[in-house]
Protein backbone atom coordinates (compact mmCIF):
# COMPACT_ATOMS: atom_id res chain seq x y z
CA MET A 1 190.20 -165.88 -116.54
CA ASP A 2 188.92 -169.20 -117.93
CA THR A 3 189.49 -172.52 -116.14
CA GLY A 4 188.86 -174.65 -119.24
CA PHE A 5 185.73 -176.15 -117.71
CA THR A 6 183.53 -178.32 -119.98
CA HIS A 7 179.77 -177.72 -119.87
CA HIS A 8 177.41 -180.71 -119.98
CA GLN A 9 173.65 -180.23 -119.95
CA ALA A 10 171.78 -182.13 -117.23
CA ALA A 11 168.22 -182.76 -116.12
CA HIS A 12 168.66 -181.33 -112.62
CA CYS A 13 170.89 -178.52 -111.39
CA GLU A 14 172.56 -179.98 -108.28
CA ASN A 15 173.27 -183.37 -109.89
CA GLY A 16 174.53 -181.64 -113.01
CA VAL A 17 176.83 -179.27 -111.13
CA ALA A 18 178.24 -182.14 -109.05
CA SER A 19 178.80 -184.38 -112.07
CA ASN A 20 180.39 -181.59 -114.12
CA LEU A 21 182.70 -180.46 -111.31
CA LEU A 22 183.87 -184.02 -110.63
CA LYS A 23 184.44 -184.69 -114.33
CA TYR A 24 186.63 -181.59 -114.44
CA TYR A 25 188.88 -183.24 -111.84
CA GLY A 26 188.97 -186.56 -113.69
CA LEU A 27 186.25 -188.57 -111.92
CA GLU A 28 183.87 -189.84 -114.58
CA ILE A 29 180.49 -189.93 -112.87
CA SER A 30 177.08 -189.51 -114.47
CA GLU A 31 174.25 -187.31 -113.28
CA PRO A 32 172.07 -190.34 -112.33
CA MET A 33 174.95 -191.84 -110.31
CA VAL A 34 175.38 -188.58 -108.35
CA PHE A 35 171.62 -188.47 -107.74
CA GLY A 36 171.43 -192.09 -106.59
CA LEU A 37 174.54 -191.95 -104.41
CA GLY A 38 173.20 -188.76 -102.83
CA SER A 39 169.83 -190.34 -101.97
CA GLY A 40 168.19 -187.66 -104.10
CA LEU A 41 164.80 -189.37 -104.39
CA PHE A 42 162.62 -188.01 -101.60
CA PHE A 43 159.25 -186.46 -100.78
CA VAL A 44 158.21 -184.06 -98.04
CA TYR A 45 155.10 -181.95 -97.53
CA LEU A 46 155.59 -178.75 -95.52
CA PRO A 47 152.19 -177.12 -94.95
CA PHE A 48 153.70 -174.65 -92.44
CA LEU A 49 156.22 -173.32 -95.01
CA LYS A 50 154.66 -171.10 -97.68
CA VAL A 51 156.32 -170.63 -101.07
CA ASN A 52 154.49 -168.28 -103.46
CA HIS A 53 151.51 -168.26 -101.03
CA ALA A 54 151.07 -172.05 -101.08
CA PRO A 55 152.40 -174.96 -99.01
CA ALA A 56 155.83 -176.31 -99.93
CA PHE A 57 156.13 -179.70 -101.60
CA SER A 58 159.63 -181.05 -102.15
CA TYR A 59 160.65 -184.05 -104.20
CA ARG A 60 164.28 -183.80 -103.08
CA PRO A 61 166.23 -183.33 -99.82
CA MET A 62 167.58 -179.99 -98.61
CA PRO A 63 169.82 -178.08 -101.04
CA GLY A 64 173.39 -179.39 -100.95
CA LEU A 65 172.59 -182.73 -99.32
CA ILE A 66 172.67 -184.73 -102.57
CA PHE A 67 176.24 -183.67 -103.38
CA ASN A 68 177.34 -183.90 -99.74
CA LYS A 69 176.01 -187.44 -99.29
CA ALA A 70 177.42 -188.64 -102.61
CA ALA A 71 180.82 -187.12 -101.77
CA LYS A 72 180.91 -188.62 -98.28
CA ARG A 73 180.05 -192.09 -99.58
CA LEU A 74 182.77 -191.90 -102.23
CA GLY A 75 185.39 -190.51 -99.84
CA LEU A 76 185.53 -187.08 -101.49
CA LYS A 77 185.96 -183.78 -99.66
CA ILE A 78 183.90 -180.74 -100.66
CA LYS A 79 184.59 -177.25 -99.35
CA ARG A 80 181.53 -175.04 -98.75
CA GLN A 81 181.45 -171.40 -97.68
CA LYS A 82 178.69 -168.89 -96.99
CA PHE A 83 179.16 -165.15 -96.61
CA SER A 84 177.47 -162.19 -94.99
CA ASP A 85 179.28 -159.67 -97.17
CA PRO A 86 178.86 -159.69 -101.00
CA LYS A 87 182.33 -158.22 -101.59
CA THR A 88 183.98 -161.00 -99.57
CA ALA A 89 181.95 -163.55 -101.52
CA GLU A 90 183.00 -161.97 -104.81
CA GLU A 91 186.67 -162.00 -103.84
CA ALA A 92 186.49 -165.68 -102.78
CA LEU A 93 185.07 -166.56 -106.20
CA ASN A 94 187.67 -164.45 -108.01
CA ASN A 95 190.48 -166.13 -106.05
CA ASN A 96 189.17 -169.54 -107.11
CA LEU A 97 189.03 -168.51 -110.75
CA ARG A 98 192.59 -167.14 -110.59
CA ASN A 99 193.62 -170.56 -109.25
CA ASN A 100 191.72 -172.45 -112.00
CA ILE A 101 189.02 -173.68 -109.63
CA PRO A 102 185.56 -173.70 -111.25
CA SER A 103 183.06 -173.16 -108.44
CA GLY A 104 179.55 -174.33 -107.70
CA LEU A 105 177.18 -171.62 -106.48
CA GLN A 106 173.73 -171.76 -104.91
CA VAL A 107 171.60 -168.96 -106.35
CA GLY A 108 168.06 -167.59 -106.55
CA VAL A 109 166.13 -168.17 -109.77
CA TYR A 110 164.02 -164.99 -109.81
CA ASN A 111 166.77 -162.67 -111.06
CA LEU A 112 168.58 -165.06 -113.41
CA THR A 113 168.46 -162.88 -116.52
CA TYR A 114 169.11 -165.75 -118.94
CA PHE A 115 166.06 -167.71 -117.72
CA PRO A 116 162.80 -167.30 -119.68
CA GLU A 117 160.49 -164.99 -117.76
CA ASP A 118 157.90 -167.73 -117.13
CA TYR A 119 160.51 -169.75 -115.22
CA ARG A 120 161.72 -166.90 -113.02
CA PHE A 121 160.05 -167.15 -109.63
CA HIS A 122 161.20 -166.99 -106.01
CA PHE A 123 163.19 -170.19 -105.56
CA ASN A 124 166.62 -170.00 -103.94
CA ALA A 125 167.98 -173.55 -104.29
CA HIS A 126 169.23 -173.43 -107.87
CA ASN A 127 172.84 -174.43 -108.64
CA ILE A 128 175.27 -173.19 -111.28
CA VAL A 129 179.01 -173.33 -111.98
CA VAL A 130 181.04 -170.16 -112.54
CA TYR A 131 184.13 -171.19 -114.48
CA GLY A 132 185.67 -167.92 -115.64
CA ARG A 133 185.49 -164.18 -116.00
CA GLU A 134 185.87 -161.81 -118.93
CA GLY A 135 185.84 -158.15 -117.93
CA ASP A 136 182.65 -157.55 -115.95
CA ASN A 137 181.05 -160.82 -117.12
CA TYR A 138 181.25 -164.09 -115.24
CA LEU A 139 181.19 -167.23 -117.40
CA VAL A 140 178.34 -169.46 -116.24
CA SER A 141 177.64 -173.14 -116.81
CA ASP A 142 174.02 -173.70 -115.78
CA PRO A 143 173.48 -177.45 -116.23
CA VAL A 144 169.79 -177.09 -117.10
CA MET A 145 170.70 -174.83 -120.05
CA GLU A 146 171.87 -176.19 -123.40
CA ASN A 147 174.77 -173.73 -123.70
CA VAL A 148 176.99 -171.68 -121.40
CA THR A 149 175.97 -168.12 -120.61
CA THR A 150 177.13 -165.06 -118.63
CA LEU A 151 176.10 -162.85 -115.72
CA THR A 152 177.48 -159.42 -114.89
CA THR A 153 179.04 -158.77 -111.50
CA LYS A 154 175.87 -157.04 -110.27
CA GLU A 155 173.58 -159.76 -111.67
CA LEU A 156 175.62 -162.51 -110.03
CA GLU A 157 175.67 -160.70 -106.69
CA LYS A 158 171.89 -160.32 -106.84
CA VAL A 159 171.23 -164.05 -107.32
CA ARG A 160 173.93 -165.11 -104.83
CA PHE A 161 172.33 -162.96 -102.13
CA ALA A 162 168.65 -163.52 -102.94
CA LYS A 163 166.33 -163.19 -99.94
CA GLY A 164 163.67 -165.56 -98.65
CA ALA A 165 163.44 -169.29 -97.90
CA PHE A 166 166.73 -171.18 -98.43
CA ALA A 167 168.58 -167.87 -98.96
CA PRO A 168 171.92 -168.87 -100.53
CA ARG A 169 174.04 -166.29 -98.63
CA GLY A 170 176.64 -166.29 -101.38
CA GLN A 171 177.29 -170.03 -101.00
CA ILE A 172 180.26 -171.39 -102.94
CA TYR A 173 181.44 -175.02 -103.08
CA TYR A 174 184.02 -177.14 -104.89
CA PRO A 175 185.96 -180.42 -104.46
CA ILE A 176 189.27 -180.23 -102.57
CA HIS A 177 190.09 -183.97 -102.45
CA ILE A 178 189.22 -186.88 -104.76
CA PRO A 179 190.79 -190.30 -104.08
CA LYS A 180 192.70 -191.90 -106.94
CA ASN A 181 190.74 -195.14 -106.81
CA VAL A 182 187.05 -194.59 -106.13
CA ASN A 183 185.03 -197.72 -105.37
CA PHE A 184 181.32 -197.53 -106.20
CA GLU A 185 179.96 -200.87 -104.94
CA GLU A 186 179.54 -200.26 -101.20
CA PRO A 187 178.49 -196.60 -101.64
CA ILE A 188 175.73 -197.72 -104.02
CA LYS A 189 174.41 -200.25 -101.50
CA LYS A 190 174.47 -197.71 -98.66
CA ALA A 191 172.74 -195.09 -100.81
CA ILE A 192 169.95 -197.44 -101.89
CA LYS A 193 169.30 -198.55 -98.31
CA ASP A 194 169.19 -194.90 -97.21
CA THR A 195 166.71 -193.96 -99.95
CA CYS A 196 164.46 -196.89 -99.01
CA ARG A 197 164.63 -195.84 -95.35
CA LEU A 198 163.68 -192.25 -96.14
CA MET A 199 160.79 -193.17 -98.44
CA LEU A 200 159.39 -195.80 -96.05
CA VAL A 201 159.92 -193.83 -92.82
CA PRO A 202 156.82 -194.01 -90.54
CA MET A 203 156.24 -190.25 -90.33
CA PRO A 204 153.13 -188.44 -91.63
CA LEU A 205 154.68 -185.78 -93.91
CA ILE A 206 157.70 -187.62 -95.33
CA GLY A 207 158.17 -190.23 -98.04
CA ILE A 208 155.27 -192.50 -98.95
CA ASN A 209 153.22 -191.32 -95.97
CA GLY A 210 153.74 -187.73 -97.09
CA ILE A 211 152.44 -188.54 -100.57
CA ARG A 212 149.37 -190.21 -99.04
CA HIS A 213 148.79 -187.26 -96.74
CA VAL A 214 148.81 -184.83 -99.68
CA ALA A 215 146.49 -187.13 -101.63
CA ARG A 216 143.94 -187.06 -98.81
CA GLN A 217 144.25 -183.28 -98.49
CA ILE A 218 143.65 -182.64 -102.22
CA LYS A 219 140.02 -183.78 -102.12
CA LYS A 220 139.36 -181.48 -99.13
CA TRP A 221 140.86 -178.33 -100.63
CA PRO A 222 137.87 -177.05 -102.70
CA GLU A 223 135.50 -177.10 -99.73
CA LYS A 224 138.12 -175.96 -97.21
CA HIS A 225 139.79 -173.19 -99.23
CA GLY A 226 137.55 -172.51 -102.22
CA ILE A 227 138.23 -173.41 -105.85
CA LYS A 228 140.63 -170.53 -106.55
CA LYS A 229 142.99 -171.35 -103.70
CA ALA A 230 142.62 -175.11 -104.28
CA ASN A 231 143.69 -174.60 -107.88
CA HIS A 232 146.62 -172.47 -106.72
CA TYR A 233 147.74 -175.29 -104.40
CA LEU A 234 147.45 -177.78 -107.27
CA ALA A 235 149.57 -175.50 -109.42
CA GLN A 236 152.16 -175.44 -106.64
CA ILE A 237 152.36 -179.26 -106.64
CA VAL A 238 152.90 -179.31 -110.40
CA ARG A 239 155.39 -176.42 -110.33
CA MET A 240 157.49 -178.15 -107.67
CA GLN A 241 157.18 -181.42 -109.61
CA GLU A 242 157.82 -180.28 -113.17
CA GLU A 243 159.46 -176.85 -113.20
CA ILE A 244 161.81 -176.72 -110.20
CA GLY A 245 164.56 -179.08 -111.26
CA THR A 246 162.73 -182.14 -112.53
CA GLY A 247 160.66 -183.03 -109.51
CA GLY A 248 158.41 -186.04 -109.15
CA GLY A 249 158.30 -187.72 -112.54
CA GLY A 250 161.71 -186.59 -113.75
CA PHE A 251 163.45 -187.66 -110.56
CA ARG A 252 161.95 -191.13 -110.94
CA PHE A 253 163.42 -191.38 -114.45
CA ILE A 254 166.84 -190.27 -113.15
CA TYR A 255 166.64 -192.82 -110.34
CA ALA A 256 165.71 -195.51 -112.86
CA ALA A 257 168.85 -194.63 -114.83
CA PHE A 258 170.87 -194.87 -111.60
CA LEU A 259 169.49 -198.37 -110.96
CA GLN A 260 170.51 -199.36 -114.49
CA GLU A 261 174.09 -198.32 -113.76
CA ALA A 262 173.97 -199.90 -110.30
CA ALA A 263 172.75 -203.21 -111.80
CA GLN A 264 175.84 -203.38 -114.00
CA ILE A 265 178.29 -202.42 -111.25
CA LEU A 266 176.77 -204.81 -108.68
CA LYS A 267 175.90 -207.48 -111.28
CA ASN A 268 172.36 -207.53 -109.90
CA ASP A 269 169.60 -208.24 -112.45
CA GLN A 270 166.91 -207.44 -109.88
CA LEU A 271 167.96 -203.80 -110.01
CA LYS A 272 167.55 -203.81 -113.79
CA ALA A 273 163.94 -205.03 -113.44
CA LEU A 274 163.27 -202.48 -110.70
CA SER A 275 164.67 -199.75 -112.95
CA ALA A 276 161.91 -200.51 -115.48
CA GLU A 277 159.33 -200.48 -112.68
CA MET A 278 160.51 -197.06 -111.50
CA THR A 279 160.22 -195.71 -115.05
CA THR A 280 156.56 -196.79 -115.08
CA ILE A 281 156.01 -195.00 -111.75
CA GLY A 282 157.60 -191.89 -113.26
CA ASP A 283 155.05 -192.04 -116.09
CA LEU A 284 152.25 -192.12 -113.49
CA TRP A 285 153.63 -188.96 -111.86
CA ARG A 286 153.69 -187.26 -115.25
CA ASP A 287 150.07 -188.32 -115.92
CA PHE A 288 149.08 -186.88 -112.56
CA ALA A 289 150.78 -183.57 -113.39
CA VAL A 290 149.03 -183.34 -116.76
CA GLU A 291 145.59 -183.95 -115.24
CA ALA A 292 146.24 -181.52 -112.36
CA ALA A 293 147.33 -178.85 -114.86
CA ARG A 294 144.07 -179.26 -116.77
CA VAL A 295 142.18 -178.61 -113.53
CA TYR A 296 143.94 -175.43 -112.46
CA LYS A 297 143.82 -174.12 -116.03
CA ASN A 298 140.04 -174.80 -116.06
CA ARG A 299 140.33 -177.24 -118.96
CA SER A 300 139.02 -180.36 -117.27
CA ALA A 301 135.44 -181.48 -117.90
CA LYS A 302 135.60 -184.44 -115.50
CA GLN A 303 133.26 -184.68 -112.54
CA ASP A 304 134.69 -185.04 -109.01
CA VAL A 305 138.10 -184.19 -110.45
CA TYR A 306 139.70 -183.49 -107.06
CA GLN A 307 138.53 -186.90 -105.88
CA LEU A 308 140.07 -188.48 -108.99
CA LEU A 309 143.38 -186.68 -108.47
CA SER A 310 143.41 -187.81 -104.86
CA GLN A 311 142.85 -191.41 -105.93
CA HIS A 312 145.55 -191.17 -108.60
CA LEU A 313 148.10 -189.99 -106.04
CA LEU A 314 147.10 -192.71 -103.57
CA GLU A 315 147.69 -195.32 -106.30
CA ILE A 316 151.16 -193.84 -106.92
CA ALA A 317 151.91 -194.05 -103.20
CA ASP A 318 150.85 -197.73 -103.13
CA LYS A 319 153.09 -198.56 -106.09
CA GLU A 320 156.04 -196.70 -104.58
CA GLN A 321 155.62 -198.50 -101.26
CA GLN A 322 155.71 -201.86 -103.04
CA PHE A 323 158.69 -200.72 -105.12
CA PHE A 324 160.85 -199.59 -102.20
CA LYS A 325 160.11 -202.74 -100.21
CA LYS A 326 161.29 -204.81 -103.18
CA LEU A 327 164.32 -202.58 -103.68
CA ARG A 328 165.31 -202.94 -100.03
CA LYS A 329 165.17 -206.72 -100.36
CA ALA A 330 167.16 -206.65 -103.59
CA ILE A 331 170.08 -205.07 -101.70
């Protein structure tokens, strides 16, 4: 069984899966457009949720929301199913493949055998497409990989039913309705307004305020938790930013690309200028990650380095606040 699906590599799994599935059905939509329409740019700090023995930091909304929001704004319909029984989940996937329906799956990363060992940790919000089956091997398009790959029946079951936070429960999803004439103008405006709202929301752990809160916490960590745990928390920030999907810096670059496309569709030169500004902010996030990595790898010779990292993140928060206020006015 092979649906004839075409694999395209992407920067982030959920955007890539959504873009690839929609292209299969004839809707030409880029990864940045999916990300922007799905209000994918976000930040939340969850100190009460521990992932790998450290607080959770997320640079994106809950798994599935990007595709769901983008689909709703474009008038698409996406079918999603979760399962309690692996055999029922397997049969649902097999039925789709027999009917030439490539299917998006939410999976755990830890047991993905084709991932390099250094990238295999307990994270259950990864997305792949299964587009066929040959004997006991499922044909897999993982958008963060350069080429297609395979998983055996047992391997696929293991990642579909991974345990822990955001357990996928065998989740499967795929488009069931795509309008013939999709209009992008109004959905783009709604999506941008929603992203600005979420990043500027007056709540302590979300958006710009969440970034500031983490910045203020960073300088307290060594005294509060000791250097070893403080370094572990720093490593968690960088891992969530740079290794899980594309995180902080990478998401800013994707959003900048979205604004470039949006500027052309809406004929709005302000969005083009703001795209360049967001790229600069993305560079600042990358600089922060590099300096933080030096600290937790004990390669930094700077004094008061936690204070410096805190200040760096506060500066990023200030620039993002200015950016999103300008973006809101531009729309």
